[in-house]
Amino acid sequence: MTVKLIVIALYAIVILLVGFMGLRRTKSSRDFLLGGGNVGAWMSAFSYGTAYFSAVLFIGFAGKIGWGFGLSGLWIALFNAIVGVYVVWVLLGWRIKQVSVKYDIGTMSEFLEKRYDSSMLKLFSAIVIFIFLIPYSAAVFMGLSYLFEISLGLPYAYVLIGMGIFTATYIVLGGYKSMAIIDTIFGIIMTVSVLLLFYFTLEKGDGMDNIVDSLRSIEPRLVSSVGPPGWWPLFALVFLTSVAPFGMPQLVQKFYAIRDRKSVKTGAVASTVFAILIGGVAYFIGSTTRVFINPDNAPQIFVSGKPNFDQLMPELLTNVIPSSLSVVILLLILSASMSTLASLVLISSSSFTRDFWKGFVRKDMPDGQITVMMRVMSAFFVLLAVLFAAVELDVIVEILGISWGALGSFFLGPFVWGLFSDKVTKAGAMISGLGGLAVCLGLYLYGMSSPEAGTIGMMTSLLLNPLTSRLIKIN
């Protein structure tokens, strides 16, 4: 226990030192938001990858999906890497950088305003970002707090408050360039950690063949190409998590900040390899929850024979990894979480400050005041996310699903078509964004699972923009 706390304390000190370095180097709001638009390939690749994969993956997604789908959950990891990372980098990376320079923009809302000449679209997008990134951030805080609660025996509320204060402090200090440096450190820690986790899981299960045989004996479909829930729930999860990155503001931001075209090419390969490793190990480990956890050896996480899905992975991780190395897993989850939180908070604070406040309330706001306000709003956003996480409204997968689904449903149609076609119109963008969001939320409130509702909402958004633009000839 003492060793774990010492290592985590040293880890926190390093992050805060980098944050203080960033404080000295941040001279403008553009520095704070985009690191001056001059971030290299490796830092961009790690920053993208670590923002993509967080405690939500390792704690909520891997546990629930692994328990329900078994090894077929690996399809999600494969398509996340190929579509959500490599295709996004190759198709969008350099194009996004080019339009950011052309329009002199730093946020997705600013792009939509300039591309469609619509201040209302900018306003709606800023509101959507601020609202739906709060539950996403809360889900990350929840996953992190569950792990610390189980592995260190610390009360959930104390961990939540402590992580909130720490996150707000280092984000407020550093800005994007510091985050990119820290994300590189996070990425290295995550890479080493998942390799160790994979090794000890195989050792605990007496090898891959034995693990597969154990899953087959529990339920034959756990080792089939499509797990027990069926093809549609699996497809919805694959589509949601692989296609939403094309329109996720916190991931798109990485390309505004990247240095040049060569960095995009190098970053595409590096981030894809990282995604295959992190996602593949996470979903494989998640499938082994069926092998290692049951009501007999972990009765505290089962109610009426059903597990608390958000506590499956923390329980597994504390049992699979030797106690002498358990701090490595804590650092894995901590690293994955901090990077994602930093991206979410930075996007949310910039959305409120640049897109809403400067865009509609005080258009002549000096640059120095923009930077100060973004720092203040970063802390405020963390506070909202912590309060949301304290309520523990739903399982992590549902929270993430509705957040990603809502954001993807609003942004995919306007953003992707706006990048690639000069034929789509303001009317098409507005209707596709609001229509996709309405479909997603309507289906979710009607009772459909969040990944399925998000998938249909995203498809709707992508279809409505070109269709409406053809029917309604209003620019």
Foldseek 3Di string as FASTA:
>chain_A
DVVLVVVVVVVLVVLQVLLQVQLVVDDFLCCQQQVVLADFQLLLLLLLQLLLFALLLQQFVLQVCLAFWAPLLLLLLVLCLVQVFQVLLVVPQQLLQVVCVVQVDQFPLSSLCVLFVDLVSSVVLLVLLQVLLLLLLLLRLLSLLLLCCVQVVDDSLVSLVVVLVSLLSSSLRHGDVSLSVLSSVLLVLLLVLLVLVLVLVCVVQVHDVSLLVLLCVVPVQSNPNTHDVDDLVSVLSSCLSRVLSSQDGLNSSSSNRYRHPVSSVSSSVSSSVSSSSNNNSSNNLSNSLSVPDFCVVCVPQDDPRHGQSSNSSSVSLSPRDPPVCSSSVSSNNVSSSSSNLSSSLLNSLCSCLVSPCCSPPNVPDDRVVSSVSSSVSSSVSSVSSSVVSVVCPDRSVQSNLQSSLLSLLQGVQSPVCSSPDSQFHPVLNRCSNVVLNCQLVVVVVVPDGSSSSSSSSNVSSNPRRVVVSVVDVDD
